[in-house]
Protein backbone atom coordinates (compact mmCIF):
# COMPACT_ATOMS: atom_id res chain seq x y z
CA UNK A 1 188.45 239.14 219.58
CA UNK A 2 185.51 241.33 218.57
CA UNK A 3 185.67 242.67 215.02
CA UNK A 4 189.42 242.01 214.90
CA UNK A 5 190.62 245.63 214.80
CA UNK A 6 192.95 245.15 217.81
CA UNK A 7 194.48 242.05 216.22
CA UNK A 8 195.03 243.87 212.91
CA UNK A 9 196.70 246.83 214.67
CA UNK A 10 199.00 244.41 216.51
CA UNK A 11 199.86 242.63 213.25
CA UNK A 12 200.82 245.93 211.59
CA UNK A 13 203.27 246.57 214.47
CA UNK A 14 205.27 243.49 213.40
CA UNK A 15 206.62 245.48 210.46
CA UNK A 16 206.59 242.53 208.05
CA UNK A 17 204.34 239.70 206.92
CA UNK A 18 206.08 237.27 209.26
CA UNK A 19 203.07 236.74 211.53
CA UNK A 20 199.90 234.70 211.86
CA UNK A 21 196.80 235.89 213.70
CA UNK A 22 194.48 233.66 215.71
CA UNK A 23 191.24 234.98 217.19
CA UNK A 24 187.98 233.70 218.64
CA UNK A 25 184.65 235.54 218.96
CA UNK A 26 181.42 234.34 220.57
CA UNK A 27 178.97 236.57 218.65
CA UNK A 28 178.19 235.21 215.17
CA UNK A 29 177.62 238.60 213.51
CA UNK A 30 180.80 240.05 215.06
CA UNK A 31 182.77 236.95 214.06
CA UNK A 32 181.63 237.45 210.43
CA UNK A 33 182.71 241.09 210.69
CA UNK A 34 186.14 240.06 212.00
CA UNK A 35 186.67 237.72 209.05
CA UNK A 36 185.57 240.45 206.65
CA UNK A 37 187.94 242.87 208.40
CA UNK A 38 190.89 240.52 207.80
CA UNK A 39 189.96 240.34 204.10
CA UNK A 40 189.56 244.13 203.75
CA UNK A 41 192.94 244.78 205.41
CA UNK A 42 194.70 242.14 203.33
CA UNK A 43 195.53 239.96 206.32
CA UNK A 44 195.47 236.53 204.71
CA UNK A 45 197.49 234.81 207.43
CA UNK A 46 194.69 234.59 209.99
CA UNK A 47 192.40 232.04 211.60
CA UNK A 48 189.29 233.55 213.23
CA UNK A 49 187.02 231.01 214.90
CA UNK A 50 183.44 231.30 216.15
CA UNK A 51 182.68 230.17 219.70
CA UNK A 52 183.01 230.80 223.43
CA UNK A 53 186.70 231.17 224.30
CA UNK A 54 186.13 230.14 227.91
CA UNK A 55 183.76 227.18 227.50
CA UNK A 56 184.93 225.97 224.07
CA UNK A 57 188.43 227.23 223.25
CA UNK A 58 189.02 226.80 219.50
CA UNK A 59 192.80 226.54 219.45
CA UNK A 60 193.97 223.24 220.93
CA UNK A 61 197.25 221.41 220.40
CA UNK A 62 197.89 217.90 221.74
CA UNK A 63 194.93 218.13 224.15
CA UNK A 64 196.26 221.41 225.60
CA UNK A 65 195.62 225.11 224.97
CA UNK A 66 197.67 226.23 221.97
CA UNK A 67 200.57 228.53 222.95
CA UNK A 68 201.45 231.88 221.35
CA UNK A 69 204.21 234.51 221.42
CA UNK A 70 201.78 237.38 222.01
CA UNK A 71 198.25 237.29 223.44
CA UNK A 72 196.11 240.46 223.53
CA UNK A 73 192.48 241.21 224.35
CA UNK A 74 189.98 243.72 225.62
CA UNK A 75 187.57 241.17 227.17
CA UNK A 76 184.07 242.12 228.36
CA UNK A 77 184.40 243.91 231.70
CA UNK A 78 183.34 241.79 234.69
CA UNK A 79 181.24 239.41 232.61
CA UNK A 80 178.42 237.83 234.60
CA UNK A 81 177.75 234.06 234.33
CA UNK A 82 181.00 233.57 232.40
CA UNK A 83 180.63 229.78 232.75
CA UNK A 84 176.89 229.71 232.12
CA UNK A 85 173.88 230.27 234.36
CA UNK A 86 173.90 228.70 237.84
CA UNK A 87 171.79 225.60 238.43
CA UNK A 88 168.77 225.53 240.78
CA UNK A 89 171.01 225.48 243.83
CA UNK A 90 172.33 228.86 242.72
CA UNK A 91 175.90 227.96 243.63
CA UNK A 92 176.99 225.41 241.07
CA UNK A 93 177.54 226.25 237.40
CA UNK A 94 176.45 223.95 234.55
CA UNK A 95 179.89 222.44 234.46
CA UNK A 96 182.31 223.25 237.23
CA UNK A 97 185.14 225.44 236.01
CA UNK A 98 187.36 223.59 238.49
CA UNK A 99 187.06 220.59 236.16
CA UNK A 100 188.01 222.56 233.07
CA UNK A 101 189.44 220.12 230.51
CA UNK A 102 192.48 222.34 230.01
CA UNK A 103 193.14 223.14 233.70
CA UNK A 104 193.26 226.89 233.08
CA UNK A 105 191.85 227.81 236.49
CA UNK A 106 194.30 225.95 238.69
CA UNK A 107 195.24 229.19 240.49
CA UNK A 108 191.60 229.63 241.48
CA UNK A 109 188.15 229.96 239.95
CA UNK A 110 186.85 233.55 239.58
CA UNK A 111 183.39 234.37 240.97
CA UNK A 112 180.53 233.52 238.61
CA UNK A 113 179.50 237.20 238.58
CA UNK A 114 182.89 238.53 237.42
CA UNK A 115 184.75 236.77 234.62
CA UNK A 116 187.77 239.09 234.28
CA UNK A 117 190.26 236.63 235.79
CA UNK A 118 188.74 233.78 233.76
CA UNK A 119 189.79 235.53 230.55
CA UNK A 120 193.17 236.49 232.02
CA UNK A 121 193.79 232.90 233.21
CA UNK A 122 193.02 231.65 229.70
CA UNK A 123 195.40 234.22 228.21
CA UNK A 124 198.27 233.39 230.57
CA UNK A 125 197.86 229.66 229.88
CA UNK A 126 198.06 230.50 226.15
CA UNK A 127 201.57 231.96 226.41
CA UNK A 128 204.74 230.39 225.07
CA UNK A 129 207.89 230.59 227.26
CA UNK A 130 209.11 234.19 226.96
CA UNK A 131 205.69 235.27 225.64
CA UNK A 132 203.89 238.52 226.39
CA UNK A 133 200.22 239.08 227.23
CA UNK A 134 198.45 242.45 227.25
CA UNK A 135 194.91 242.78 228.60
CA UNK A 136 192.57 245.72 229.24
CA UNK A 137 190.77 245.37 232.58
CA UNK A 138 188.48 247.35 234.92
CA UNK A 139 190.26 248.57 238.09
CA UNK A 140 188.43 246.03 240.26
CA UNK A 141 190.70 243.33 238.81
CA UNK A 142 193.61 244.95 240.68
CA UNK A 143 191.86 245.24 244.05
CA UNK A 144 188.96 242.80 244.59
CA UNK A 145 189.45 240.08 247.19
CA UNK A 146 188.33 236.47 247.74
CA UNK A 147 189.13 234.13 244.83
CA UNK A 148 190.25 237.05 242.64
CA UNK A 149 192.70 238.11 245.35
CA UNK A 150 194.07 234.57 245.55
CA UNK A 151 194.57 234.39 241.77
CA UNK A 152 196.26 237.80 241.77
CA UNK A 153 198.60 236.69 244.59
CA UNK A 154 199.47 233.55 242.62
CA UNK A 155 200.39 235.40 239.39
CA UNK A 156 202.54 237.83 241.41
CA UNK A 157 204.31 234.97 243.19
CA UNK A 158 204.94 233.36 239.80
CA UNK A 159 206.53 236.67 238.76
CA UNK A 160 204.24 236.99 235.74
CA UNK A 161 203.11 240.62 236.22
CA UNK A 162 205.41 242.89 234.21
CA UNK A 163 203.54 246.22 234.24
CA UNK A 164 200.25 247.89 235.16
CA UNK A 165 199.18 251.06 233.32
CA UNK A 166 196.31 253.14 234.71
CA UNK A 167 194.34 254.59 231.78
CA UNK A 168 192.08 257.67 231.56
CA UNK A 169 188.30 257.36 232.06
CA UNK A 170 185.80 256.99 229.22
CA UNK A 171 188.41 255.72 226.78
CA UNK A 172 186.55 252.65 225.55
CA UNK A 173 183.23 252.63 223.73
CA UNK A 174 180.38 251.73 226.07
CA UNK A 175 182.51 251.85 229.22
CA UNK A 176 182.78 255.20 231.00
CA UNK A 177 184.85 253.83 233.88
CA UNK A 178 188.62 254.05 234.07
CA UNK A 179 190.46 250.96 232.91
CA UNK A 180 193.97 249.61 233.24
CA UNK A 181 196.31 247.78 230.94
CA UNK A 182 198.09 244.81 232.54
CA UNK A 183 201.14 243.25 230.89
CA UNK A 184 202.10 239.69 231.81
CA UNK A 185 205.36 238.06 230.73
CA UNK A 186 206.55 234.49 231.02
CA UNK A 187 210.12 233.77 232.21
CA UNK A 188 210.86 237.32 233.38
CA UNK A 189 214.27 238.24 234.77
CA UNK A 190 212.97 241.29 236.70
CA UNK A 191 211.63 240.71 240.20
CA UNK A 192 209.46 243.82 240.31
CA UNK A 193 206.37 245.43 238.74
CA UNK A 194 206.24 248.73 236.87
CA UNK A 195 203.20 250.89 237.66
CA UNK A 196 202.35 253.80 235.34
CA UNK A 197 199.63 256.35 236.12
CA UNK A 198 198.62 257.61 232.66
CA UNK A 199 195.09 258.48 233.82
CA UNK A 200 195.53 262.26 233.65
CA UNK A 201 197.11 262.47 230.21
CA UNK A 202 194.45 262.52 227.50
CA UNK A 203 192.29 264.69 225.27
CA UNK A 204 188.74 265.17 226.45
CA UNK A 205 186.00 264.43 223.93
CA UNK A 206 182.24 265.01 223.94
CA UNK A 207 181.32 261.31 223.90
CA UNK A 208 184.65 259.63 224.42
CA UNK A 209 188.11 260.63 225.60
CA UNK A 210 191.15 260.03 223.42
CA UNK A 211 194.84 259.31 223.87
CA UNK A 212 196.96 261.73 221.85
CA UNK A 213 200.18 260.65 220.15
CA UNK A 214 202.24 262.40 222.87
CA UNK A 215 200.28 260.59 225.60
CA UNK A 216 200.98 257.20 224.03
CA UNK A 217 204.68 258.02 223.50
CA UNK A 218 205.06 259.20 227.11
CA UNK A 219 203.62 255.93 228.39
CA UNK A 220 205.67 253.87 225.95
CA UNK A 221 208.87 255.69 226.93
CA UNK A 222 208.23 255.09 230.65
CA UNK A 223 207.43 251.44 229.91
CA UNK A 224 210.64 250.89 227.92
CA UNK A 225 212.93 252.75 230.37
CA UNK A 226 211.24 251.03 233.33
CA UNK A 227 212.16 253.77 235.79
CA UNK A 228 210.46 255.62 238.62
CA UNK A 229 209.35 259.04 237.38
CA UNK A 230 207.85 261.67 239.69
CA UNK A 231 204.05 261.38 239.86
CA UNK A 232 203.96 259.18 236.78
CA UNK A 233 205.60 255.81 237.30
CA UNK A 234 207.08 253.64 240.02
CA UNK A 235 208.97 250.37 240.01
CA UNK A 236 207.82 248.33 243.02
CA UNK A 237 209.50 245.18 244.31
CA UNK A 238 207.37 242.09 244.91
CA UNK A 239 208.20 242.50 248.62
CA UNK A 240 206.76 246.06 248.60
CA UNK A 241 203.59 244.84 246.85
CA UNK A 242 203.19 242.02 249.40
């Protein structure tokens, strides 16, 4: 969860104090910062834990991953060795992710060199029925094959993918590449996926690009209306995607 700023912004969107934030961060200094952030922003109803979300998830309920209404993250892009360094053989990890205690990777185990779908799998398994998950990903998550392709096929067949938003380049600190926002929903009624290309609508900055208020509202409007708009959005059936 980093320094917790994304969680705090999400909490403010609730519009009341009827919320509770849970977050986990692997870096000790950043975890301390996240806890301080909660204090400084007056967010008392929070539980920020220190540890590796993938190898040692902190929020467990009845021997299963705890479930939430909303799950959001901007995980590290294509994290290498997401389940630890390989052993001498170079193929096996310290503990096989296939044997994960919480069975989060039953759709498939992502490659050891790219942990994007490991984080996404954890997030999807953390959703309550009717819950929503929003995750920032590099574009490779949408296209790469092998095990990642099999996982992607599985989440589409489960009808979990609600929307994909293509974002402008150089939007996130330390990552100049273009990213996308993927929204997953449990128990959806729609049998299609909304694609929005918001990659050309932004304000250019010297070090980092920025989304203006009108850019955000345009994307939000297209997301809510869920319609095909010329050169901006398209609603594709699962058959078309296949």
